[in-house]
């Protein structure tokens, strides 16, 4: 608002300067040199006021920019504060001991899986291989059902047929 008021003041002085300059010409034309001189001094004073006003406007604009930047900084700081609070809450939920416990369990599970992989990859001893083959044969024998052997004698060769 102050900036706008100063700009209006500048316009007003600018118009006055033009009028006074024209009036000073008119007075010189009429031979009133002293009055013209007085008007030109007044004009000069008003020009100096215009310069001061321009400096004040620049200062006000700089101040407005500083205020806007400070508001942005405050928003950033507020965001950092909220982020920090969120991190602290997360740290309360998940302690270092809990993380270490989870990592330990994960490492144990990985080691267990590695052992299984080694077993399946053929790192078995020859004794283990023999035991596995025996167990496989036993299971195969259990699952295999053989037909019963006929108790009747086989028929004898029928004449007139071709031998098999």
C-alpha atoms as a PDB file:
ATOM      1  CA  UNK A   1       0.000   0.000   0.000  1.00  0.00           C
ATOM      2  CA  UNK A   2       2.801   2.362   0.894  1.00  0.00           C
ATOM      3  CA  UNK A   3       4.485   1.658  -2.434  1.00  0.00           C
ATOM      4  CA  UNK A   4       1.284   2.474  -4.300  1.00  0.00           C
ATOM      5  CA  UNK A   5       0.892   5.736  -2.365  1.00  0.00           C
ATOM      6  CA  UNK A   6       4.472   6.708  -3.191  1.00  0.00           C
ATOM      7  CA  UNK A   7       3.875   6.019  -6.908  1.00  0.00           C
ATOM      8  CA  UNK A   8       0.793   8.219  -6.848  1.00  0.00           C
ATOM      9  CA  UNK A   9       2.853  10.926  -5.126  1.00  0.00           C
ATOM     10  CA  UNK A  10       5.482  10.606  -7.883  1.00  0.00           C
ATOM     11  CA  UNK A  11       2.861  11.094 -10.595  1.00  0.00           C
ATOM     12  CA  UNK A  12       1.512  14.148  -8.838  1.00  0.00           C
ATOM     13  CA  UNK A  13       4.970  15.718  -8.487  1.00  0.00           C
ATOM     14  CA  UNK A  14       5.769  14.842 -12.101  1.00  0.00           C
ATOM     15  CA  UNK A  15       2.671  16.713 -13.283  1.00  0.00           C
ATOM     16  CA  UNK A  16       3.555  19.669 -11.017  1.00  0.00           C
ATOM     17  CA  UNK A  17       7.072  19.780 -12.469  1.00  0.00           C
ATOM     18  CA  UNK A  18       5.726  20.036 -15.995  1.00  0.00           C
ATOM     19  CA  UNK A  19       3.313  22.810 -15.006  1.00  0.00           C
ATOM     20  CA  UNK A  20       5.979  24.759 -13.141  1.00  0.00           C
ATOM     21  CA  UNK A  21       8.436  24.470 -16.023  1.00  0.00           C
ATOM     22  CA  UNK A  22       5.806  25.783 -18.429  1.00  0.00           C
ATOM     23  CA  UNK A  23       4.964  28.576 -15.960  1.00  0.00           C
ATOM     24  CA  UNK A  24       8.672  29.466 -15.601  1.00  0.00           C
ATOM     25  CA  UNK A  25       8.911  29.823 -19.429  1.00  0.00           C
ATOM     26  CA  UNK A  26       5.858  32.010 -19.402  1.00  0.00           C
ATOM     27  CA  UNK A  27       7.303  34.190 -16.607  1.00  0.00           C
ATOM     28  CA  UNK A  28      10.607  34.531 -18.472  1.00  0.00           C
ATOM     29  CA  UNK A  29       8.653  35.545 -21.544  1.00  0.00           C
ATOM     30  CA  UNK A  30       6.910  38.209 -19.459  1.00  0.00           C
ATOM     31  CA  UNK A  31      10.243  39.409 -18.067  1.00  0.00           C
ATOM     32  CA  UNK A  32       9.714  38.133 -14.526  1.00  0.00           C
ATOM     33  CA  UNK A  33      13.090  36.514 -14.130  1.00  0.00           C
ATOM     34  CA  UNK A  34      13.068  36.373 -10.311  1.00  0.00           C
ATOM     35  CA  UNK A  35       9.725  34.587 -10.152  1.00  0.00           C
ATOM     36  CA  UNK A  36      10.888  32.177 -12.858  1.00  0.00           C
ATOM     37  CA  UNK A  37      14.038  31.556 -10.814  1.00  0.00           C
ATOM     38  CA  UNK A  38      11.973  30.864  -7.708  1.00  0.00           C
ATOM     39  CA  UNK A  39       9.791  28.390  -9.633  1.00  0.00           C
ATOM     40  CA  UNK A  40      12.879  26.624 -11.009  1.00  0.00           C
ATOM     41  CA  UNK A  41      14.295  26.314  -7.446  1.00  0.00           C
ATOM     42  CA  UNK A  42      10.991  24.842  -6.344  1.00  0.00           C
ATOM     43  CA  UNK A  43      11.093  22.509  -9.346  1.00  0.00           C
ATOM     44  CA  UNK A  44      14.617  21.431  -8.420  1.00  0.00           C
ATOM     45  CA  UNK A  45      13.531  20.722  -4.838  1.00  0.00           C
ATOM     46  CA  UNK A  46      10.630  18.603  -6.099  1.00  0.00           C
ATOM     47  CA  UNK A  47      12.988  16.662  -8.404  1.00  0.00           C
ATOM     48  CA  UNK A  48      15.102  15.853  -5.358  1.00  0.00           C
ATOM     49  CA  UNK A  49      11.937  14.709  -3.592  1.00  0.00           C
ATOM     50  CA  UNK A  50      11.204  12.465  -6.596  1.00  0.00           C
ATOM     51  CA  UNK A  51      14.659  10.888  -6.269  1.00  0.00           C
ATOM     52  CA  UNK A  52      14.113  10.291  -2.556  1.00  0.00           C
ATOM     53  CA  UNK A  53      10.698   8.828  -3.317  1.00  0.00           C
ATOM     54  CA  UNK A  54      12.254   6.491  -5.896  1.00  0.00           C
ATOM     55  CA  UNK A  55      14.782   5.312  -3.292  1.00  0.00           C
ATOM     56  CA  UNK A  56      11.992   4.710  -0.797  1.00  0.00           C
ATOM     57  CA  UNK A  57      10.054   2.697  -3.375  1.00  0.00           C
ATOM     58  CA  UNK A  58      13.163   0.589  -4.051  1.00  0.00           C
ATOM     59  CA  UNK A  59      13.613   0.020  -0.324  1.00  0.00           C
ATOM     60  CA  UNK A  60       9.969  -0.965   0.057  1.00  0.00           C
ATOM     61  CA  UNK A  61      10.159  -3.398  -2.867  1.00  0.00           C
ATOM     62  CA  UNK A  62      13.330  -4.935  -1.421  1.00  0.00           C
ATOM     63  CA  UNK A  63      11.605  -5.253   1.942  1.00  0.00           C
ATOM     64  CA  UNK A  64       8.581  -6.947   0.335  1.00  0.00           C
ATOM     65  CA  UNK A  65      10.887  -9.413  -1.408  1.00  0.00           C
ATOM     66  CA  UNK A  66      12.700 -10.090   1.858  1.00  0.00           C
ATOM     67  CA  UNK A  67       9.389 -10.695   3.629  1.00  0.00           C
ATOM     68  CA  UNK A  68       8.214 -13.077   0.886  1.00  0.00           C
ATOM     69  CA  UNK A  69      11.508 -14.959   1.014  1.00  0.00           C
ATOM     70  CA  UNK A  70      11.311 -15.171   4.806  1.00  0.00           C
ATOM     71  CA  UNK A  71       7.798 -16.617   4.490  1.00  0.00           C
ATOM     72  CA  UNK A  72       9.149 -19.267   2.130  1.00  0.00           C
ATOM     73  CA  UNK A  73      11.965 -20.027   4.555  1.00  0.00           C
ATOM     74  CA  UNK A  74       9.418 -20.385   7.365  1.00  0.00           C
ATOM     75  CA  UNK A  75       7.458 -22.898   5.281  1.00  0.00           C
ATOM     76  CA  UNK A  76      10.642 -24.873   4.611  1.00  0.00           C
ATOM     77  CA  UNK A  77      11.531 -24.849   8.313  1.00  0.00           C
ATOM     78  CA  UNK A  78       8.002 -25.990   9.194  1.00  0.00           C
ATOM     79  CA  UNK A  79       8.325 -28.816   6.656  1.00  0.00           C
ATOM     80  CA  UNK A  80      11.662 -29.844   8.139  1.00  0.00           C
ATOM     81  CA  UNK A  81      10.154 -29.762  11.619  1.00  0.00           C
ATOM     82  CA  UNK A  82       7.260 -32.020  10.565  1.00  0.00           C
ATOM     83  CA  UNK A  83       9.701 -34.375   8.800  1.00  0.00           C
ATOM     84  CA  UNK A  84      11.879 -34.539  11.895  1.00  0.00           C
ATOM     85  CA  UNK A  85       8.881 -35.350  14.103  1.00  0.00           C
ATOM     86  CA  UNK A  86       7.851 -38.095  11.669  1.00  0.00           C
ATOM     87  CA  UNK A  87      11.360 -39.595  11.734  1.00  0.00           C
ATOM     88  CA  UNK A  88      11.383 -39.533  15.541  1.00  0.00           C
ATOM     89  CA  UNK A  89       8.039 -41.377  15.638  1.00  0.00           C
ATOM     90  CA  UNK A  90       9.396 -43.972  13.209  1.00  0.00           C
ATOM     91  CA  UNK A  91      12.483 -44.418  15.381  1.00  0.00           C
ATOM     92  CA  UNK A  92      10.285 -44.967  18.431  1.00  0.00           C
ATOM     93  CA  UNK A  93       8.339 -47.680  16.591  1.00  0.00           C
ATOM     94  CA  UNK A  94      11.453 -49.418  15.272  1.00  0.00           C
ATOM     95  CA  UNK A  95      14.302 -49.654  17.773  1.00  0.00           C
ATOM     96  CA  UNK A  96      17.885 -50.576  16.879  1.00  0.00           C
ATOM     97  CA  UNK A  97      17.549 -53.823  18.846  1.00  0.00           C
ATOM     98  CA  UNK A  98      14.459 -54.757  16.808  1.00  0.00           C
ATOM     99  CA  UNK A  99      16.271 -54.060  13.547  1.00  0.00           C
ATOM    100  CA  UNK A 100      19.298 -56.091  14.691  1.00  0.00           C
ATOM    101  CA  UNK A 101      17.001 -58.973  15.698  1.00  0.00           C
ATOM    102  CA  UNK A 102      15.285 -58.926  12.289  1.00  0.00           C
ATOM    103  CA  UNK A 103      18.626 -58.799  10.470  1.00  0.00           C
ATOM    104  CA  UNK A 104      19.888 -61.710  12.592  1.00  0.00           C
ATOM    105  CA  UNK A 105      16.801 -63.781  11.803  1.00  0.00           C
ATOM    106  CA  UNK A 106      17.187 -62.975   8.133  1.00  0.00           C
ATOM    107  CA  UNK A 107      20.844 -64.041   8.178  1.00  0.00           C
ATOM    108  CA  UNK A 108      19.890 -67.306   9.930  1.00  0.00           C
ATOM    109  CA  UNK A 109      17.232 -67.980   7.314  1.00  0.00           C
ATOM    110  CA  UNK A 110      19.706 -67.245   4.510  1.00  0.00           C
ATOM    111  CA  UNK A 111      22.258 -69.620   6.069  1.00  0.00           C
ATOM    112  CA  UNK A 112      19.597 -72.332   6.430  1.00  0.00           C
ATOM    113  CA  UNK A 113      18.583 -71.873   2.792  1.00  0.00           C
ATOM    114  CA  UNK A 114      22.246 -72.068   1.739  1.00  0.00           C
ATOM    115  CA  UNK A 115      22.588 -75.407   3.540  1.00  0.00           C
ATOM    116  CA  UNK A 116      19.501 -76.724   1.773  1.00  0.00           C
ATOM    117  CA  UNK A 117      20.872 -75.523  -1.568  1.00  0.00           C
ATOM    118  CA  UNK A 118      24.186 -77.289  -0.907  1.00  0.00           C
ATOM    119  CA  UNK A 119      22.377 -80.531  -0.105  1.00  0.00           C
ATOM    120  CA  UNK A 120      20.275 -80.303  -3.225  1.00  0.00           C
ATOM    121  CA  UNK A 121      23.242 -79.303  -5.369  1.00  0.00           C
ATOM    122  CA  UNK A 122      24.948 -82.629  -4.797  1.00  0.00           C
ATOM    123  CA  UNK A 123      27.276 -81.959  -1.956  1.00  0.00           C
ATOM    124  CA  UNK A 124      26.152 -85.247  -0.436  1.00  0.00           C
ATOM    125  CA  UNK A 125      28.631 -87.894   0.531  1.00  0.00           C
ATOM    126  CA  UNK A 126      28.675 -91.285  -1.122  1.00  0.00           C
ATOM    127  CA  UNK A 127      27.047 -92.810   1.947  1.00  0.00           C
ATOM    128  CA  UNK A 128      24.239 -90.252   1.699  1.00  0.00           C
ATOM    129  CA  UNK A 129      23.782 -91.121  -1.981  1.00  0.00           C
ATOM    130  CA  UNK A 130      23.601 -94.857  -1.153  1.00  0.00           C
ATOM    131  CA  UNK A 131      21.063 -94.233   1.615  1.00  0.00           C
ATOM    132  CA  UNK A 132      18.947 -92.112  -0.736  1.00  0.00           C
ATOM    133  CA  UNK A 133      19.038 -94.826  -3.442  1.00  0.00           C
ATOM    134  CA  UNK A 134      18.028 -97.512  -0.935  1.00  0.00           C
ATOM    135  CA  UNK A 135      15.118 -95.389   0.272  1.00  0.00           C
ATOM    136  CA  UNK A 136      14.073 -94.738  -3.339  1.00  0.00           C
ATOM    137  CA  UNK A 137      14.137 -98.493  -4.107  1.00  0.00           C
ATOM    138  CA  UNK A 138      12.088 -99.257  -0.996  1.00  0.00           C
ATOM    139  CA  UNK A 139       9.463 -96.675  -1.943  1.00  0.00           C
ATOM    140  CA  UNK A 140       9.408 -97.959  -5.521  1.00  0.00           C
ATOM    141  CA  UNK A 141       8.920-101.547  -4.307  1.00  0.00           C
ATOM    142  CA  UNK A 142       6.056-100.487  -2.041  1.00  0.00           C
ATOM    143  CA  UNK A 143       4.295 -98.682  -4.833  1.00  0.00           C
ATOM    144  CA  UNK A 144       4.786-101.372  -7.406  1.00  0.00           C
ATOM    145  CA  UNK A 145       2.122-104.034  -7.312  1.00  0.00           C
ATOM    146  CA  UNK A 146       2.976-107.071  -9.344  1.00  0.00           C
ATOM    147  CA  UNK A 147       0.240-109.302 -10.736  1.00  0.00           C
ATOM    148  CA  UNK A 148      -0.265-112.591  -9.019  1.00  0.00           C
ATOM    149  CA  UNK A 149       1.374-115.648 -10.514  1.00  0.00           C
ATOM    150  CA  UNK A 150      -1.181-118.030 -12.022  1.00  0.00           C
ATOM    151  CA  UNK A 151      -1.462-121.313 -10.171  1.00  0.00           C
ATOM    152  CA  UNK A 152      -2.682-123.280 -13.235  1.00  0.00           C
ATOM    153  CA  UNK A 153      -0.260-124.866 -15.598  1.00  0.00           C
ATOM    154  CA  UNK A 154       0.361-123.208 -18.926  1.00  0.00           C
ATOM    155  CA  UNK A 155      -1.349-124.733 -21.931  1.00  0.00           C
ATOM    156  CA  UNK A 156       0.715-126.950 -24.118  1.00  0.00           C
ATOM    157  CA  UNK A 157       1.557-126.240 -27.682  1.00  0.00           C
ATOM    158  CA  UNK A 158      -1.385-126.465 -29.996  1.00  0.00           C
ATOM    159  CA  UNK A 159      -0.619-128.375 -33.262  1.00  0.00           C
ATOM    160  CA  UNK A 160      -0.942-126.351 -36.422  1.00  0.00           C
ATOM    161  CA  UNK A 161       0.077-123.050 -34.949  1.00  0.00           C
ATOM    162  CA  UNK A 162       3.282-121.304 -35.396  1.00  0.00           C
ATOM    163  CA  UNK A 163       5.715-121.323 -32.549  1.00  0.00           C
ATOM    164  CA  UNK A 164       6.159-118.056 -30.842  1.00  0.00           C
END
